[in-house]
Amino acid sequence: AVETVLTGLIGQGLLAEEPGDPARLAMTA
């Protein structure tokens, strides 16, 4: 369920996987 939430936030452009390190997430603007 958490992964689904994270995937959704990434898809909405609210979080992003750090380039070269998908295990690290960053907040977008």
PDB file of all heavy atoms in Angstrom:
ATOM      1  N   ALA A   1       0.835  -1.207   0.000  1.00  0.00           N
ATOM      2  CA  ALA A   1       0.000   0.000   0.000  1.00  0.00           C
ATOM      3  C   ALA A   1       0.868   1.255   0.000  1.00  0.00           C
ATOM      4  O   ALA A   1       0.568   2.230  -0.701  1.00  0.00           O
ATOM      5  CB  ALA A   1      -0.943  -0.003   1.193  1.00  0.00           C
ATOM      6  N   VAL A   2       1.962   1.233   0.759  1.00  0.00           N
ATOM      7  CA  VAL A   2       2.868   2.369   0.792  1.00  0.00           C
ATOM      8  C   VAL A   2       3.507   2.562  -0.582  1.00  0.00           C
ATOM      9  O   VAL A   2       3.578   3.687  -1.091  1.00  0.00           O
ATOM     10  CB  VAL A   2       3.950   2.206   1.875  1.00  0.00           C
ATOM     11  CG1 VAL A   2       4.949   3.368   1.821  1.00  0.00           C
ATOM     12  CG2 VAL A   2       3.323   2.108   3.257  1.00  0.00           C
ATOM     13  N   GLU A   3       3.957   1.484  -1.186  1.00  0.00           N
ATOM     14  CA  GLU A   3       4.570   1.589  -2.514  1.00  0.00           C
ATOM     15  C   GLU A   3       3.581   2.163  -3.535  1.00  0.00           C
ATOM     16  O   GLU A   3       3.967   2.942  -4.405  1.00  0.00           O
ATOM     17  CB  GLU A   3       5.110   0.237  -2.978  1.00  0.00           C
ATOM     18  CG  GLU A   3       6.376  -0.183  -2.275  1.00  0.00           C
ATOM     19  CD  GLU A   3       7.587   0.713  -2.552  1.00  0.00           C
ATOM     20  OE1 GLU A   3       7.581   1.505  -3.524  1.00  0.00           O
ATOM     21  OE2 GLU A   3       8.546   0.632  -1.772  1.00  0.00           O
ATOM     22  N   THR A   4       2.312   1.798  -3.414  1.00  0.00           N
ATOM     23  CA  THR A   4       1.290   2.352  -4.308  1.00  0.00           C
ATOM     24  C   THR A   4       1.176   3.864  -4.110  1.00  0.00           C
ATOM     25  O   THR A   4       1.076   4.623  -5.085  1.00  0.00           O
ATOM     26  CB  THR A   4      -0.072   1.663  -4.057  1.00  0.00           C
ATOM     27  OG1 THR A   4       0.080   0.271  -4.329  1.00  0.00           O
ATOM     28  CG2 THR A   4      -1.168   2.240  -4.921  1.00  0.00           C
ATOM     29  N   VAL A   5       1.204   4.301  -2.863  1.00  0.00           N
ATOM     30  CA  VAL A   5       1.161   5.736  -2.558  1.00  0.00           C
ATOM     31  C   VAL A   5       2.375   6.433  -3.166  1.00  0.00           C
ATOM     32  O   VAL A   5       2.243   7.478  -3.814  1.00  0.00           O
ATOM     33  CB  VAL A   5       1.104   5.972  -1.033  1.00  0.00           C
ATOM     34  CG1 VAL A   5       1.333   7.441  -0.692  1.00  0.00           C
ATOM     35  CG2 VAL A   5      -0.218   5.489  -0.466  1.00  0.00           C
ATOM     36  N   LEU A   6       3.556   5.862  -2.958  1.00  0.00           N
ATOM     37  CA  LEU A   6       4.781   6.487  -3.464  1.00  0.00           C
ATOM     38  C   LEU A   6       4.791   6.544  -4.984  1.00  0.00           C
ATOM     39  O   LEU A   6       5.167   7.563  -5.575  1.00  0.00           O
ATOM     40  CB  LEU A   6       6.011   5.753  -2.929  1.00  0.00           C
ATOM     41  CG  LEU A   6       6.159   5.742  -1.407  1.00  0.00           C
ATOM     42  CD1 LEU A   6       7.421   4.998  -1.000  1.00  0.00           C
ATOM     43  CD2 LEU A   6       6.123   7.141  -0.832  1.00  0.00           C
ATOM     44  N   THR A   7       4.360   5.462  -5.617  1.00  0.00           N
ATOM     45  CA  THR A   7       4.286   5.448  -7.083  1.00  0.00           C
ATOM     46  C   THR A   7       3.334   6.535  -7.579  1.00  0.00           C
ATOM     47  O   THR A   7       3.624   7.225  -8.563  1.00  0.00           O
ATOM     48  CB  THR A   7       3.828   4.060  -7.580  1.00  0.00           C
ATOM     49  OG1 THR A   7       4.807   3.094  -7.148  1.00  0.00           O
ATOM     50  CG2 THR A   7       3.702   4.013  -9.081  1.00  0.00           C
ATOM     51  N   GLY A   8       2.214   6.709  -6.883  1.00  0.00           N
ATOM     52  CA  GLY A   8       1.266   7.757  -7.247  1.00  0.00           C
ATOM     53  C   GLY A   8       1.857   9.145  -7.095  1.00  0.00           C
ATOM     54  O   GLY A   8       1.664  10.014  -7.960  1.00  0.00           O
ATOM     55  N   LEU A   9       2.572   9.383  -5.993  1.00  0.00           N
ATOM     56  CA  LEU A   9       3.194  10.694  -5.781  1.00  0.00           C
ATOM     57  C   LEU A   9       4.261  10.982  -6.831  1.00  0.00           C
ATOM     58  O   LEU A   9       4.396  12.124  -7.286  1.00  0.00           O
ATOM     59  CB  LEU A   9       3.787  10.773  -4.373  1.00  0.00           C
ATOM     60  CG  LEU A   9       2.768  10.849  -3.238  1.00  0.00           C
ATOM     61  CD1 LEU A   9       3.468  10.667  -1.889  1.00  0.00           C
ATOM     62  CD2 LEU A   9       1.994  12.156  -3.277  1.00  0.00           C
ATOM     63  N   ILE A  10       5.005   9.960  -7.224  1.00  0.00           N
ATOM     64  CA  ILE A  10       6.008  10.124  -8.286  1.00  0.00           C
ATOM     65  C   ILE A  10       5.299  10.431  -9.604  1.00  0.00           C
ATOM     66  O   ILE A  10       5.684  11.348 -10.330  1.00  0.00           O
ATOM     67  CB  ILE A  10       6.907   8.876  -8.392  1.00  0.00           C
ATOM     68  CG1 ILE A  10       7.772   8.756  -7.143  1.00  0.00           C
ATOM     69  CG2 ILE A  10       7.755   8.918  -9.661  1.00  0.00           C
ATOM     70  CD1 ILE A  10       8.463   7.403  -6.965  1.00  0.00           C
ATOM     71  N   GLY A  11       4.226   9.685  -9.890  1.00  0.00           N
ATOM     72  CA  GLY A  11       3.465   9.898 -11.118  1.00  0.00           C
ATOM     73  C   GLY A  11       2.831  11.280 -11.194  1.00  0.00           C
ATOM     74  O   GLY A  11       2.695  11.847 -12.278  1.00  0.00           O
ATOM     75  N   GLN A  12       2.477  11.843 -10.047  1.00  0.00           N
ATOM     76  CA  GLN A  12       1.889  13.188  -9.994  1.00  0.00           C
ATOM     77  C   GLN A  12       2.949  14.282 -10.011  1.00  0.00           C
ATOM     78  O   GLN A  12       2.619  15.467 -10.026  1.00  0.00           O
ATOM     79  CB  GLN A  12       1.032  13.341  -8.741  1.00  0.00           C
ATOM     80  CG  GLN A  12      -0.208  12.490  -8.739  1.00  0.00           C
ATOM     81  CD  GLN A  12      -0.943  12.583  -7.413  1.00  0.00           C
ATOM     82  OE1 GLN A  12      -0.340  12.700  -6.344  1.00  0.00           O
ATOM     83  NE2 GLN A  12      -2.256  12.519  -7.470  1.00  0.00           N
ATOM     84  N   GLY A  13       4.213  13.883  -9.970  1.00  0.00           N
ATOM     85  CA  GLY A  13       5.288  14.866  -9.981  1.00  0.00           C
ATOM     86  C   GLY A  13       5.505  15.558  -8.645  1.00  0.00           C
ATOM     87  O   GLY A  13       6.073  16.648  -8.599  1.00  0.00           O
ATOM     88  N   LEU A  14       5.088  14.917  -7.549  1.00  0.00           N
ATOM     89  CA  LEU A  14       5.248  15.505  -6.224  1.00  0.00           C
ATOM     90  C   LEU A  14       6.494  14.978  -5.518  1.00  0.00           C
ATOM     91  O   LEU A  14       7.093  15.674  -4.697  1.00  0.00           O
ATOM     92  CB  LEU A  14       4.001  15.246  -5.385  1.00  0.00           C
ATOM     93  CG  LEU A  14       2.705  15.817  -5.985  1.00  0.00           C
ATOM     94  CD1 LEU A  14       1.491  15.348  -5.210  1.00  0.00           C
ATOM     95  CD2 LEU A  14       2.770  17.330  -6.053  1.00  0.00           C
ATOM     96  N   LEU A  15       6.870  13.749  -5.832  1.00  0.00           N
ATOM     97  CA  LEU A  15       8.136  13.151  -5.413  1.00  0.00           C
ATOM     98  C   LEU A  15       8.848  12.674  -6.667  1.00  0.00           C
ATOM     99  O   LEU A  15       8.198  12.387  -7.677  1.00  0.00           O
ATOM    100  CB  LEU A  15       7.922  11.954  -4.479  1.00  0.00           C
ATOM    101  CG  LEU A  15       7.404  12.194  -3.075  1.00  0.00           C
ATOM    102  CD1 LEU A  15       7.253  10.853  -2.334  1.00  0.00           C
ATOM    103  CD2 LEU A  15       8.301  13.128  -2.290  1.00  0.00           C
ATOM    104  N   ALA A  16      10.162  12.573  -6.579  1.00  0.00           N
ATOM    105  CA  ALA A  16      10.944  12.060  -7.708  1.00  0.00           C
ATOM    106  C   ALA A  16      12.032  11.146  -7.182  1.00  0.00           C
ATOM    107  O   ALA A  16      12.582  11.377  -6.102  1.00  0.00           O
ATOM    108  CB  ALA A  16      11.570  13.212  -8.503  1.00  0.00           C
ATOM    109  N   GLU A  17      12.320  10.095  -7.952  1.00  0.00           N
ATOM    110  CA  GLU A  17      13.468   9.254  -7.630  1.00  0.00           C
ATOM    111  C   GLU A  17      14.718  10.026  -8.007  1.00  0.00           C
ATOM    112  O   GLU A  17      14.763  10.667  -9.054  1.00  0.00           O
ATOM    113  CB  GLU A  17      13.395   7.942  -8.407  1.00  0.00           C
ATOM    114  CG  GLU A  17      12.235   7.069  -7.985  1.00  0.00           C
ATOM    115  CD  GLU A  17      12.103   5.805  -8.818  1.00  0.00           C
ATOM    116  OE1 GLU A  17      12.681   5.745  -9.929  1.00  0.00           O
ATOM    117  OE2 GLU A  17      11.407   4.882  -8.363  1.00  0.00           O
ATOM    118  N   GLU A  18      15.713   9.969  -7.132  1.00  0.00           N
ATOM    119  CA  GLU A  18      16.952  10.675  -7.428  1.00  0.00           C
ATOM    120  C   GLU A  18      17.654   9.978  -8.596  1.00  0.00           C
ATOM    121  O   GLU A  18      17.713   8.744  -8.631  1.00  0.00           O
ATOM    122  CB  GLU A  18      17.842  10.716  -6.193  1.00  0.00           C
ATOM    123  CG  GLU A  18      17.191  11.493  -5.071  1.00  0.00           C
ATOM    124  CD  GLU A  18      18.129  12.476  -4.427  1.00  0.00           C
ATOM    125  OE1 GLU A  18      19.332  12.474  -4.715  1.00  0.00           O
ATOM    126  OE2 GLU A  18      17.627  13.269  -3.615  1.00  0.00           O
ATOM    127  N   PRO A  19      18.166  10.740  -9.547  1.00  0.00           N
ATOM    128  CA  PRO A  19      18.852  10.136 -10.694  1.00  0.00           C
ATOM    129  C   PRO A  19      19.989   9.226 -10.234  1.00  0.00           C
ATOM    130  O   PRO A  19      20.805   9.609  -9.399  1.00  0.00           O
ATOM    131  CB  PRO A  19      19.397  11.345 -11.471  1.00  0.00           C
ATOM    132  CG  PRO A  19      18.524  12.489 -11.041  1.00  0.00           C
ATOM    133  CD  PRO A  19      18.129  12.197  -9.620  1.00  0.00           C
ATOM    134  N   GLY A  20      19.974   8.005 -10.735  1.00  0.00           N
ATOM    135  CA  GLY A  20      21.009   7.040 -10.393  1.00  0.00           C
ATOM    136  C   GLY A  20      20.802   6.367  -9.052  1.00  0.00           C
ATOM    137  O   GLY A  20      21.585   5.497  -8.682  1.00  0.00           O
ATOM    138  N   ASP A  21      19.790   6.769  -8.305  1.00  0.00           N
ATOM    139  CA  ASP A  21      19.540   6.179  -6.986  1.00  0.00           C
ATOM    140  C   ASP A  21      18.032   6.129  -6.721  1.00  0.00           C
ATOM    141  O   ASP A  21      17.500   6.941  -5.963  1.00  0.00           O
ATOM    142  CB  ASP A  21      20.246   6.984  -5.898  1.00  0.00           C
ATOM    143  CG  ASP A  21      20.206   6.294  -4.540  1.00  0.00           C
ATOM    144  OD1 ASP A  21      19.672   5.161  -4.439  1.00  0.00           O
ATOM    145  OD2 ASP A  21      20.706   6.884  -3.568  1.00  0.00           O
ATOM    146  N   PRO A  22      17.335   5.163  -7.355  1.00  0.00           N
ATOM    147  CA  PRO A  22      15.878   5.092  -7.198  1.00  0.00           C
ATOM    148  C   PRO A  22      15.422   4.758  -5.773  1.00  0.00           C
ATOM    149  O   PRO A  22      14.247   4.892  -5.452  1.00  0.00           O
ATOM    150  CB  PRO A  22      15.463   4.001  -8.178  1.00  0.00           C
ATOM    151  CG  PRO A  22      16.682   3.203  -8.441  1.00  0.00           C
ATOM    152  CD  PRO A  22      17.848   4.131  -8.243  1.00  0.00           C
ATOM    153  N   ALA A  23      16.352   4.357  -4.909  1.00  0.00           N
ATOM    154  CA  ALA A  23      15.994   4.077  -3.517  1.00  0.00           C
ATOM    155  C   ALA A  23      15.946   5.368  -2.693  1.00  0.00           C
ATOM    156  O   ALA A  23      15.618   5.336  -1.518  1.00  0.00           O
ATOM    157  CB  ALA A  23      16.982   3.100  -2.901  1.00  0.00           C
ATOM    158  N   ARG A  24      16.271   6.485  -3.316  1.00  0.00           N
ATOM    159  CA  ARG A  24      16.242   7.773  -2.623  1.00  0.00           C
ATOM    160  C   ARG A  24      15.228   8.671  -3.322  1.00  0.00           C
ATOM    161  O   ARG A  24      15.284   8.862  -4.523  1.00  0.00           O
ATOM    162  CB  ARG A  24      17.627   8.407  -2.652  1.00  0.00           C
ATOM    163  CG  ARG A  24      17.759   9.599  -1.759  1.00  0.00           C
ATOM    164  CD  ARG A  24      19.228   9.779  -1.343  1.00  0.00           C
ATOM    165  NE  ARG A  24      19.434  10.988  -0.601  1.00  0.00           N
ATOM    166  CZ  ARG A  24      19.163  11.139   0.692  1.00  0.00           C
ATOM    167  NH1 ARG A  24      18.666  10.142   1.370  1.00  0.00           N
ATOM    168  NH2 ARG A  24      19.390  12.273   1.310  1.00  0.00           N
ATOM    169  N   LEU A  25      14.288   9.202  -2.530  1.00  0.00           N
ATOM    170  CA  LEU A  25      13.241  10.057  -3.073  1.00  0.00           C
ATOM    171  C   LEU A  25      13.476  11.500  -2.663  1.00  0.00           C
ATOM    172  O   LEU A  25      13.983  11.773  -1.577  1.00  0.00           O
ATOM    173  CB  LEU A  25      11.868   9.607  -2.562  1.00  0.00           C
ATOM    174  CG  LEU A  25      11.456   8.185  -2.920  1.00  0.00           C
ATOM    175  CD1 LEU A  25      10.153   7.819  -2.217  1.00  0.00           C
ATOM    176  CD2 LEU A  25      11.312   8.039  -4.430  1.00  0.00           C
ATOM    177  N   ALA A  26      13.082  12.402  -3.553  1.00  0.00           N
ATOM    178  CA  ALA A  26      13.219  13.833  -3.274  1.00  0.00           C
ATOM    179  C   ALA A  26      11.889  14.525  -3.555  1.00  0.00           C
ATOM    180  O   ALA A  26      11.161  14.151  -4.475  1.00  0.00           O
ATOM    181  CB  ALA A  26      14.316  14.441  -4.146  1.00  0.00           C
ATOM    182  N   MET A  27      11.599  15.513  -2.766  1.00  0.00           N
ATOM    183  CA  MET A  27      10.415  16.330  -2.962  1.00  0.00           C
ATOM    184  C   MET A  27      10.663  17.233  -4.171  1.00  0.00           C
ATOM    185  O   MET A  27      11.738  17.823  -4.284  1.00  0.00           O
ATOM    186  CB  MET A  27      10.178  17.173  -1.712  1.00  0.00           C
ATOM    187  CG  MET A  27       8.861  17.849  -1.657  1.00  0.00           C
ATOM    188  SD  MET A  27       7.668  16.869  -0.770  1.00  0.00           S
ATOM    189  CE  MET A  27       7.892  17.504   0.862  1.00  0.00           C
ATOM    190  N   THR A  28       9.706  17.300  -5.049  1.00  0.00           N
ATOM    191  CA  THR A  28       9.814  18.210  -6.186  1.00  0.00           C
ATOM    192  C   THR A  28       9.329  19.600  -5.750  1.00  0.00           C
ATOM    193  O   THR A  28       8.771  19.761  -4.659  1.00  0.00           O
ATOM    194  CB  THR A  28       8.946  17.735  -7.358  1.00  0.00           C
ATOM    195  OG1 THR A  28       7.575  17.796  -6.959  1.00  0.00           O
ATOM    196  CG2 THR A  28       9.329  16.320  -7.802  1.00  0.00           C
ATOM    197  N   ALA A  29       9.494  20.589  -6.623  1.00  0.00           N
ATOM    198  CA  ALA A  29       8.991  21.931  -6.319  1.00  0.00           C
ATOM    199  C   ALA A  29       7.479  21.895  -6.109  1.00  0.00           C
ATOM    200  O   ALA A  29       6.953  22.522  -5.181  1.00  0.00           O
ATOM    201  CB  ALA A  29       9.366  22.900  -7.437  1.00  0.00           C
TER     202      ALA A  29
END
